[in-house]
Amino acid sequence: MTEQLNLPAPQGDPVAGPAIAMRGLGKRFGDVVAVKGIDLDVPRGAFFGLVGPNGAGKTTTLSMATGLLRPDSGRVLVLGHDVWSDPVAAKQLIGILPDGLRTFDRLTGLQLIVYAGLLHGLSREVAQARADELLKALGLTDAQGKLVVDYSAGMTKKVTLATALIHAPRVLVLDEPFEAVDPVSAATIRGILTDVVAAGGTVVLSSHVMDLVERICSHVAVISDGLVLAQGTVDEVRSGSSLEERFVDLVGGSTEVEGLAWLRTSSD
């Protein structure tokens, strides 16, 4: 159950309501209930962080919200379009950086980005021009002719982010976008995402780094054990403490370490 319960019914009007509205979203894998009837609103124009411990249900929730995974129950609207009853309209509005999704890694970086643009209906000329700009912005120009299968983890993260951006989506949903990315590239990505929000777009990202979320996000939701424990602006959720402290209070568990005395012994 969330701390903010006054969530309106999702709006069917594409020009009203939140960027993403989730109602009663649930998913089970065998005997494991991964997501337990989540209600969550992502406001339009928000830089929204989704945080939670490992296994909390973040990736499952984002996968259902973007049409990558069919929910067992509930409904998701993206800018008023139902992800499952009107998938084409909804997915045209979304750019997705999923966690661990396999890509066409036998293409070069340039080919992959252009192909993503073509799939979204861009002309080859526009897709090529945008791909060149994205490669330059993300520091991948020198690797544009290299097969993606030969990219490092950080380079793969950046090129898949480029495929999410190529069609200028109104909503970006990014699962751990800064994982494996070097500090310079991370700063560049933050700048790109900040510009997207400043232009009226909406960015949703999941992360384990509380300091990052606290610094760059306007809104946040804390999820644990398949439930949303708190949601709202960052200031509302952290309630006067740091986001990390509030997160630990909400999620529970101890940060004290017992045992391992042998690690604290010194010897010559």
C-alpha atoms as a PDB file:
ATOM      1  CA  MET A   1       0.000   0.000   0.000  1.00  0.00           C
ATOM      2  CA  THR A   2       1.336   3.424  -0.907  1.00  0.00           C
ATOM      3  CA  GLU A   3       1.636   6.419   1.371  1.00  0.00           C
ATOM      4  CA  GLN A   4      -0.171   8.630  -1.166  1.00  0.00           C
ATOM      5  CA  LEU A   5      -3.528   7.007  -1.774  1.00  0.00           C
ATOM      6  CA  ASN A   6      -5.409   9.759  -3.608  1.00  0.00           C
ATOM      7  CA  LEU A   7      -4.726   8.422  -7.080  1.00  0.00           C
ATOM      8  CA  PRO A   8      -7.428   9.286  -9.634  1.00  0.00           C
ATOM      9  CA  ALA A   9      -8.668   6.744 -12.120  1.00  0.00           C
ATOM     10  CA  PRO A  10      -6.451   6.682 -15.210  1.00  0.00           C
ATOM     11  CA  GLN A  11      -7.537   9.124 -17.881  1.00  0.00           C
ATOM     12  CA  GLY A  12      -8.476   7.919 -21.346  1.00  0.00           C
ATOM     13  CA  ASP A  13      -7.887  11.344 -22.896  1.00  0.00           C
ATOM     14  CA  PRO A  14      -4.411  11.486 -24.508  1.00  0.00           C
ATOM     15  CA  VAL A  15      -4.107  15.174 -23.603  1.00  0.00           C
ATOM     16  CA  ALA A  16      -4.930  14.730 -19.916  1.00  0.00           C
ATOM     17  CA  GLY A  17      -3.761  12.639 -17.015  1.00  0.00           C
ATOM     18  CA  PRO A  18      -0.335  11.254 -16.153  1.00  0.00           C
ATOM     19  CA  ALA A  19       2.342  10.172 -18.603  1.00  0.00           C
ATOM     20  CA  ILE A  20       2.056   6.617 -17.280  1.00  0.00           C
ATOM     21  CA  ALA A  21      -0.840   5.348 -15.173  1.00  0.00           C
ATOM     22  CA  MET A  22      -0.697   1.857 -13.671  1.00  0.00           C
ATOM     23  CA  ARG A  23      -3.722   0.364 -11.949  1.00  0.00           C
ATOM     24  CA  GLY A  24      -3.837  -3.000 -10.193  1.00  0.00           C
ATOM     25  CA  LEU A  25      -0.758  -4.217 -12.041  1.00  0.00           C
ATOM     26  CA  GLY A  26       0.138  -7.769 -11.048  1.00  0.00           C
ATOM     27  CA  LYS A  27       2.410 -10.568 -12.226  1.00  0.00           C
ATOM     28  CA  ARG A  28       3.109 -14.086 -10.994  1.00  0.00           C
ATOM     29  CA  PHE A  29       5.890 -16.464 -12.044  1.00  0.00           C
ATOM     30  CA  GLY A  30       4.819 -19.908 -10.904  1.00  0.00           C
ATOM     31  CA  ASP A  31       4.449 -19.751  -7.123  1.00  0.00           C
ATOM     32  CA  VAL A  32       6.229 -16.396  -6.889  1.00  0.00           C
ATOM     33  CA  VAL A  33       4.131 -13.224  -6.975  1.00  0.00           C
ATOM     34  CA  ALA A  34       6.564 -10.669  -8.358  1.00  0.00           C
ATOM     35  CA  VAL A  35       4.206  -7.672  -8.538  1.00  0.00           C
ATOM     36  CA  LYS A  36       1.200  -7.414  -6.218  1.00  0.00           C
ATOM     37  CA  GLY A  37      -1.384  -5.059  -7.667  1.00  0.00           C
ATOM     38  CA  ILE A  38       0.620  -1.860  -8.123  1.00  0.00           C
ATOM     39  CA  ASP A  39      -1.071   1.532  -8.481  1.00  0.00           C
ATOM     40  CA  LEU A  40       1.369   4.173  -9.694  1.00  0.00           C
ATOM     41  CA  ASP A  41       1.192   7.488 -11.545  1.00  0.00           C
ATOM     42  CA  VAL A  42       4.132   9.067 -13.373  1.00  0.00           C
ATOM     43  CA  PRO A  43       3.320  12.776 -13.898  1.00  0.00           C
ATOM     44  CA  ARG A  44       3.878  14.330 -17.301  1.00  0.00           C
ATOM     45  CA  GLY A  45       7.184  16.159 -17.530  1.00  0.00           C
ATOM     46  CA  ALA A  46       8.617  14.334 -14.519  1.00  0.00           C
ATOM     47  CA  PHE A  47      12.095  12.932 -14.077  1.00  0.00           C
ATOM     48  CA  PHE A  48      10.851   9.869 -12.208  1.00  0.00           C
ATOM     49  CA  GLY A  49      13.006   7.412 -10.269  1.00  0.00           C
ATOM     50  CA  LEU A  50      11.908   3.882  -9.378  1.00  0.00           C
ATOM     51  CA  VAL A  51      14.031   2.458  -6.570  1.00  0.00           C
ATOM     52  CA  GLY A  52      13.983  -0.771  -4.618  1.00  0.00           C
ATOM     53  CA  PRO A  53      16.156  -3.647  -3.421  1.00  0.00           C
ATOM     54  CA  ASN A  54      17.179  -6.527  -5.658  1.00  0.00           C
ATOM     55  CA  GLY A  55      14.165  -8.670  -6.491  1.00  0.00           C
ATOM     56  CA  ALA A  56      11.686  -5.930  -5.576  1.00  0.00           C
ATOM     57  CA  GLY A  57       9.803  -6.146  -8.872  1.00  0.00           C
ATOM     58  CA  LYS A  58      11.165  -3.012 -10.571  1.00  0.00           C
ATOM     59  CA  THR A  59      12.155  -4.642 -13.857  1.00  0.00           C
ATOM     60  CA  THR A  60       8.942  -6.673 -14.002  1.00  0.00           C
ATOM     61  CA  THR A  61       6.892  -3.518 -13.406  1.00  0.00           C
ATOM     62  CA  LEU A  62       8.704  -1.538 -16.107  1.00  0.00           C
ATOM     63  CA  SER A  63       8.452  -4.457 -18.532  1.00  0.00           C
ATOM     64  CA  MET A  64       4.684  -4.604 -18.074  1.00  0.00           C
ATOM     65  CA  ALA A  65       4.364  -0.819 -18.303  1.00  0.00           C
ATOM     66  CA  THR A  66       6.081  -0.785 -21.705  1.00  0.00           C
ATOM     67  CA  GLY A  67       4.467  -3.830 -23.293  1.00  0.00           C
ATOM     68  CA  LEU A  68       7.425  -6.183 -23.017  1.00  0.00           C
ATOM     69  CA  LEU A  69       5.684  -8.453 -20.514  1.00  0.00           C
ATOM     70  CA  ARG A  70       1.958  -9.160 -20.327  1.00  0.00           C
ATOM     71  CA  PRO A  71       0.515  -8.596 -16.840  1.00  0.00           C
ATOM     72  CA  ASP A  72      -1.732 -11.155 -15.153  1.00  0.00           C
ATOM     73  CA  SER A  73      -3.941  -8.331 -13.921  1.00  0.00           C
ATOM     74  CA  GLY A  74      -4.293  -4.597 -14.166  1.00  0.00           C
ATOM     75  CA  ARG A  75      -4.003  -1.899 -16.775  1.00  0.00           C
ATOM     76  CA  VAL A  76      -1.378   0.553 -18.037  1.00  0.00           C
ATOM     77  CA  LEU A  77      -2.017   3.780 -19.929  1.00  0.00           C
ATOM     78  CA  VAL A  78       0.764   5.739 -21.643  1.00  0.00           C
ATOM     79  CA  LEU A  79      -0.378   9.282 -22.387  1.00  0.00           C
ATOM     80  CA  GLY A  80      -3.938   7.988 -22.417  1.00  0.00           C
ATOM     81  CA  HIS A  81      -3.304   4.960 -24.650  1.00  0.00           C
ATOM     82  CA  ASP A  82      -3.771   1.471 -23.208  1.00  0.00           C
ATOM     83  CA  VAL A  83      -0.530  -0.485 -23.630  1.00  0.00           C
ATOM     84  CA  TRP A  84      -2.321  -3.781 -24.180  1.00  0.00           C
ATOM     85  CA  SER A  85      -5.538  -2.866 -26.004  1.00  0.00           C
ATOM     86  CA  ASP A  86      -3.922  -0.144 -28.133  1.00  0.00           C
ATOM     87  CA  PRO A  87      -0.261  -1.252 -28.258  1.00  0.00           C
ATOM     88  CA  VAL A  88       0.782   0.417 -31.520  1.00  0.00           C
ATOM     89  CA  ALA A  89      -0.335   3.885 -30.416  1.00  0.00           C
ATOM     90  CA  ALA A  90       1.186   3.443 -26.955  1.00  0.00           C
ATOM     91  CA  LYS A  91       4.534   2.092 -28.140  1.00  0.00           C
ATOM     92  CA  GLN A  92       4.966   4.883 -30.673  1.00  0.00           C
ATOM     93  CA  LEU A  93       5.204   7.238 -27.705  1.00  0.00           C
ATOM     94  CA  ILE A  94       7.757   5.227 -25.691  1.00  0.00           C
ATOM     95  CA  GLY A  95      11.513   4.810 -25.854  1.00  0.00           C
ATOM     96  CA  ILE A  96      12.729   1.780 -23.910  1.00  0.00           C
ATOM     97  CA  LEU A  97      16.088   0.751 -22.481  1.00  0.00           C
ATOM     98  CA  PRO A  98      15.247  -2.636 -20.937  1.00  0.00           C
ATOM     99  CA  ASP A  99      17.455  -4.705 -18.673  1.00  0.00           C
ATOM    100  CA  GLY A 100      19.145  -7.658 -20.325  1.00  0.00           C
ATOM    101  CA  LEU A 101      17.069  -7.664 -23.516  1.00  0.00           C
ATOM    102  CA  ARG A 102      19.032  -9.170 -26.383  1.00  0.00           C
ATOM    103  CA  THR A 103      19.559  -6.981 -29.406  1.00  0.00           C
ATOM    104  CA  PHE A 104      20.739  -7.395 -32.987  1.00  0.00           C
ATOM    105  CA  ASP A 105      24.380  -7.475 -31.989  1.00  0.00           C
ATOM    106  CA  ARG A 106      25.642  -8.715 -35.361  1.00  0.00           C
ATOM    107  CA  LEU A 107      24.937  -5.236 -36.717  1.00  0.00           C
ATOM    108  CA  THR A 108      27.388  -2.393 -36.310  1.00  0.00           C
ATOM    109  CA  GLY A 109      26.522   0.342 -33.865  1.00  0.00           C
ATOM    110  CA  LEU A 110      25.509   2.660 -36.693  1.00  0.00           C
ATOM    111  CA  GLN A 111      23.415  -0.006 -38.404  1.00  0.00           C
ATOM    112  CA  LEU A 112      21.616  -0.846 -35.155  1.00  0.00           C
ATOM    113  CA  ILE A 113      20.625   2.753 -34.460  1.00  0.00           C
ATOM    114  CA  VAL A 114      19.506   3.394 -38.047  1.00  0.00           C
ATOM    115  CA  TYR A 115      17.516   0.146 -38.028  1.00  0.00           C
ATOM    116  CA  ALA A 116      15.740   1.234 -34.858  1.00  0.00           C
ATOM    117  CA  GLY A 117      14.841   4.504 -36.560  1.00  0.00           C
ATOM    118  CA  LEU A 118      13.469   2.701 -39.596  1.00  0.00           C
ATOM    119  CA  LEU A 119      11.351   0.458 -37.376  1.00  0.00           C
ATOM    120  CA  HIS A 120       9.829   3.597 -35.871  1.00  0.00           C
ATOM    121  CA  GLY A 121       8.883   4.896 -39.305  1.00  0.00           C
ATOM    122  CA  LEU A 122      11.669   7.420 -39.883  1.00  0.00           C
ATOM    123  CA  SER A 123      13.018   7.875 -43.381  1.00  0.00           C
ATOM    124  CA  ARG A 124      16.514   6.494 -43.945  1.00  0.00           C
ATOM    125  CA  GLU A 125      17.890  10.012 -44.351  1.00  0.00           C
ATOM    126  CA  VAL A 126      16.437  11.210 -41.039  1.00  0.00           C
ATOM    127  CA  ALA A 127      17.457   7.999 -39.244  1.00  0.00           C
ATOM    128  CA  GLN A 128      21.022   8.325 -40.577  1.00  0.00           C
ATOM    129  CA  ALA A 129      21.300  11.982 -39.553  1.00  0.00           C
ATOM    130  CA  ARG A 130      19.953  11.315 -36.052  1.00  0.00           C
ATOM    131  CA  ALA A 131      22.165   8.251 -35.650  1.00  0.00           C
ATOM    132  CA  ASP A 132      25.245  10.311 -36.505  1.00  0.00           C
ATOM    133  CA  GLU A 133      24.278  12.912 -33.891  1.00  0.00           C
ATOM    134  CA  LEU A 134      23.606  10.273 -31.231  1.00  0.00           C
ATOM    135  CA  LEU A 135      26.873   8.461 -31.899  1.00  0.00           C
ATOM    136  CA  LYS A 136      28.770  11.729 -31.530  1.00  0.00           C
ATOM    137  CA  ALA A 137      26.902  12.775 -28.375  1.00  0.00           C
ATOM    138  CA  LEU A 138      27.492   9.398 -26.715  1.00  0.00           C
ATOM    139  CA  GLY A 139      31.148   9.133 -27.695  1.00  0.00           C
ATOM    140  CA  LEU A 140      30.649   6.199 -30.058  1.00  0.00           C
ATOM    141  CA  THR A 141      31.691   7.741 -33.373  1.00  0.00           C
ATOM    142  CA  ASP A 142      34.978   5.823 -33.500  1.00  0.00           C
ATOM    143  CA  ALA A 143      33.116   2.559 -32.802  1.00  0.00           C
ATOM    144  CA  GLN A 144      30.224   3.092 -35.204  1.00  0.00           C
ATOM    145  CA  GLY A 145      31.575   0.539 -37.700  1.00  0.00           C
ATOM    146  CA  LYS A 146      32.261  -2.101 -35.053  1.00  0.00           C
ATOM    147  CA  LEU A 147      29.867  -4.987 -34.432  1.00  0.00           C
ATOM    148  CA  VAL A 148      27.800  -4.489 -31.285  1.00  0.00           C
ATOM    149  CA  VAL A 149      28.709  -8.007 -30.150  1.00  0.00           C
ATOM    150  CA  ASP A 150      32.262  -6.721 -29.731  1.00  0.00           C
ATOM    151  CA  TYR A 151      31.233  -3.685 -27.661  1.00  0.00           C
ATOM    152  CA  SER A 152      32.044  -3.418 -23.968  1.00  0.00           C
ATOM    153  CA  ALA A 153      29.154  -3.458 -21.480  1.00  0.00           C
ATOM    154  CA  GLY A 154      29.224   0.327 -21.216  1.00  0.00           C
ATOM    155  CA  MET A 155      29.297   0.827 -24.986  1.00  0.00           C
ATOM    156  CA  THR A 156      26.387  -1.584 -25.395  1.00  0.00           C
ATOM    157  CA  LYS A 157      24.411   0.374 -22.816  1.00  0.00           C
ATOM    158  CA  LYS A 158      25.031   3.599 -24.727  1.00  0.00           C
ATOM    159  CA  VAL A 159      24.167   2.231 -28.161  1.00  0.00           C
ATOM    160  CA  THR A 160      20.915   0.716 -26.869  1.00  0.00           C
ATOM    161  CA  LEU A 161      20.098   4.049 -25.246  1.00  0.00           C
ATOM    162  CA  ALA A 162      20.591   5.616 -28.679  1.00  0.00           C
ATOM    163  CA  THR A 163      18.043   3.186 -30.155  1.00  0.00           C
ATOM    164  CA  ALA A 164      15.584   4.304 -27.457  1.00  0.00           C
ATOM    165  CA  LEU A 165      16.122   7.972 -28.350  1.00  0.00           C
ATOM    166  CA  ILE A 166      16.200   7.815 -32.153  1.00  0.00           C
ATOM    167  CA  HIS A 167      12.459   8.475 -32.665  1.00  0.00           C
ATOM    168  CA  ALA A 168      12.289  11.346 -30.130  1.00  0.00           C
ATOM    169  CA  PRO A 169       9.786   9.589 -27.817  1.00  0.00           C
ATOM    170  CA  ARG A 170       7.598  11.562 -25.434  1.00  0.00           C
ATOM    171  CA  VAL A 171       8.174   9.013 -22.655  1.00  0.00           C
ATOM    172  CA  LEU A 172      11.517   7.321 -21.927  1.00  0.00           C
ATOM    173  CA  VAL A 173      11.596   4.225 -19.697  1.00  0.00           C
ATOM    174  CA  LEU A 174      15.139   3.227 -18.758  1.00  0.00           C
ATOM    175  CA  ASP A 175      16.155   0.270 -16.597  1.00  0.00           C
ATOM    176  CA  GLU A 176      19.496   1.031 -14.888  1.00  0.00           C
ATOM    177  CA  PRO A 177      20.722   3.410 -17.628  1.00  0.00           C
ATOM    178  CA  PHE A 178      23.960   4.281 -15.802  1.00  0.00           C
ATOM    179  CA  GLU A 179      25.054   0.747 -14.992  1.00  0.00           C
ATOM    180  CA  ALA A 180      28.524  -0.075 -16.430  1.00  0.00           C
ATOM    181  CA  VAL A 181      28.845   3.444 -17.881  1.00  0.00           C
ATOM    182  CA  ASP A 182      31.966   5.522 -17.175  1.00  0.00           C
ATOM    183  CA  PRO A 183      31.617   8.860 -15.298  1.00  0.00           C
ATOM    184  CA  VAL A 184      32.091  11.054 -18.385  1.00  0.00           C
ATOM    185  CA  SER A 185      29.470   9.139 -20.353  1.00  0.00           C
ATOM    186  CA  ALA A 186      27.148   9.141 -17.323  1.00  0.00           C
ATOM    187  CA  ALA A 187      27.369  12.930 -17.149  1.00  0.00           C
ATOM    188  CA  THR A 188      26.571  13.135 -20.876  1.00  0.00           C
ATOM    189  CA  ILE A 189      23.565  10.841 -20.477  1.00  0.00           C
ATOM    190  CA  ARG A 190      22.287  12.879 -17.532  1.00  0.00           C
ATOM    191  CA  GLY A 191      22.528  15.991 -19.673  1.00  0.00           C
ATOM    192  CA  ILE A 192      20.584  14.379 -22.524  1.00  0.00           C
ATOM    193  CA  LEU A 193      17.844  13.157 -20.196  1.00  0.00           C
ATOM    194  CA  THR A 194      17.622  16.516 -18.437  1.00  0.00           C
ATOM    195  CA  ASP A 195      17.147  18.180 -21.822  1.00  0.00           C
ATOM    196  CA  VAL A 196      14.360  15.717 -22.675  1.00  0.00           C
ATOM    197  CA  VAL A 197      12.498  16.656 -19.477  1.00  0.00           C
ATOM    198  CA  ALA A 198      13.141  20.380 -19.979  1.00  0.00           C
ATOM    199  CA  ALA A 199      11.504  20.081 -23.404  1.00  0.00           C
ATOM    200  CA  GLY A 200       8.361  18.570 -21.869  1.00  0.00           C
ATOM    201  CA  GLY A 201       9.190  14.878 -22.114  1.00  0.00           C
ATOM    202  CA  THR A 202       8.954  12.350 -19.309  1.00  0.00           C
ATOM    203  CA  VAL A 203      11.816  10.138 -18.122  1.00  0.00           C
ATOM    204  CA  VAL A 204      11.390   7.083 -15.905  1.00  0.00           C
ATOM    205  CA  LEU A 205      14.479   5.277 -14.677  1.00  0.00           C
ATOM    206  CA  SER A 206      15.229   2.538 -12.206  1.00  0.00           C
ATOM    207  CA  SER A 207      18.394   2.670 -10.159  1.00  0.00           C
ATOM    208  CA  HIS A 208      20.038   1.307  -7.031  1.00  0.00           C
ATOM    209  CA  VAL A 209      22.021   4.530  -6.546  1.00  0.00           C
ATOM    210  CA  MET A 210      20.009   6.653  -4.137  1.00  0.00           C
ATOM    211  CA  ASP A 211      22.320   9.663  -4.389  1.00  0.00           C
ATOM    212  CA  LEU A 212      21.892   9.750  -8.168  1.00  0.00           C
ATOM    213  CA  VAL A 213      18.106   9.572  -7.947  1.00  0.00           C
ATOM    214  CA  GLU A 214      18.037  12.231  -5.238  1.00  0.00           C
ATOM    215  CA  ARG A 215      20.163  14.581  -7.361  1.00  0.00           C
ATOM    216  CA  ILE A 216      18.488  14.259 -10.751  1.00  0.00           C
ATOM    217  CA  CYS A 217      14.893  13.107 -10.200  1.00  0.00           C
ATOM    218  CA  SER A 218      11.885  15.274  -9.396  1.00  0.00           C
ATOM    219  CA  HIS A 219       9.685  12.325  -8.357  1.00  0.00           C
ATOM    220  CA  VAL A 220      10.359   8.893  -6.942  1.00  0.00           C
ATOM    221  CA  ALA A 221       8.604   5.676  -5.977  1.00  0.00           C
ATOM    222  CA  VAL A 222       9.986   3.095  -3.570  1.00  0.00           C
ATOM    223  CA  ILE A 223       9.032  -0.480  -4.412  1.00  0.00           C
ATOM    224  CA  SER A 224       9.700  -3.606  -2.348  1.00  0.00           C
ATOM    225  CA  ASP A 225       8.329  -7.130  -2.480  1.00  0.00           C
ATOM    226  CA  GLY A 226       6.115  -6.241  -5.420  1.00  0.00           C
ATOM    227  CA  LEU A 227       4.420  -3.296  -3.687  1.00  0.00           C
ATOM    228  CA  VAL A 228       4.817   0.483  -3.870  1.00  0.00           C
ATOM    229  CA  LEU A 229       5.704   1.664  -0.369  1.00  0.00           C
ATOM    230  CA  ALA A 230       5.870   5.401  -1.117  1.00  0.00           C
ATOM    231  CA  GLN A 231       5.529   7.705  -4.095  1.00  0.00           C
ATOM    232  CA  GLY A 232       5.562  11.429  -4.712  1.00  0.00           C
ATOM    233  CA  THR A 233       8.110  14.185  -5.153  1.00  0.00           C
ATOM    234  CA  VAL A 234      11.586  13.389  -3.894  1.00  0.00           C
ATOM    235  CA  ASP A 235      11.105  15.818  -0.983  1.00  0.00           C
ATOM    236  CA  GLU A 236       7.790  14.229  -0.036  1.00  0.00           C
ATOM    237  CA  VAL A 237       9.196  10.709  -0.039  1.00  0.00           C
ATOM    238  CA  ARG A 238      12.406  11.433   1.833  1.00  0.00           C
ATOM    239  CA  SER A 239      10.483  13.341   4.553  1.00  0.00           C
ATOM    240  CA  GLY A 240      13.347  15.499   5.783  1.00  0.00           C
ATOM    241  CA  SER A 241      16.040  12.810   5.707  1.00  0.00           C
ATOM    242  CA  SER A 242      18.210  11.585   2.862  1.00  0.00           C
ATOM    243  CA  LEU A 243      16.570   9.355   0.282  1.00  0.00           C
ATOM    244  CA  GLU A 244      18.910   6.525   1.250  1.00  0.00           C
ATOM    245  CA  GLU A 245      17.935   6.777   4.919  1.00  0.00           C
ATOM    246  CA  ARG A 246      14.256   6.901   4.026  1.00  0.00           C
ATOM    247  CA  PHE A 247      14.697   3.949   1.688  1.00  0.00           C
ATOM    248  CA  VAL A 248      16.244   1.839   4.458  1.00  0.00           C
ATOM    249  CA  ASP A 249      13.436   2.830   6.847  1.00  0.00           C
ATOM    250  CA  LEU A 250      10.763   1.853   4.336  1.00  0.00           C
ATOM    251  CA  VAL A 251      12.301  -1.346   3.059  1.00  0.00           C
ATOM    252  CA  GLY A 252      13.581  -2.557   6.408  1.00  0.00           C
ATOM    253  CA  GLY A 253      16.512  -4.816   7.082  1.00  0.00           C
ATOM    254  CA  SER A 254      19.722  -4.170   8.930  1.00  0.00           C
ATOM    255  CA  THR A 255      22.839  -2.455   7.677  1.00  0.00           C
ATOM    256  CA  GLU A 256      24.900  -3.923  10.522  1.00  0.00           C
ATOM    257  CA  VAL A 257      27.303  -6.678   9.541  1.00  0.00           C
ATOM    258  CA  GLU A 258      27.817  -9.632  11.852  1.00  0.00           C
ATOM    259  CA  GLY A 259      30.728 -12.017  11.725  1.00  0.00           C
ATOM    260  CA  LEU A 260      33.531 -11.731   9.170  1.00  0.00           C
ATOM    261  CA  ALA A 261      35.984 -11.026  11.970  1.00  0.00           C
ATOM    262  CA  TRP A 262      38.705 -12.622   9.854  1.00  0.00           C
ATOM    263  CA  LEU A 263      38.454  -9.698   7.440  1.00  0.00           C
ATOM    264  CA  ARG A 264      39.331  -7.290  10.228  1.00  0.00           C
ATOM    265  CA  THR A 265      42.495  -9.035  11.337  1.00  0.00           C
ATOM    266  CA  SER A 266      45.894  -7.892  10.169  1.00  0.00           C
ATOM    267  CA  SER A 267      49.002  -9.927   9.753  1.00  0.00           C
ATOM    268  CA  ASP A 268      52.481  -9.503   8.539  1.00  0.00           C
END
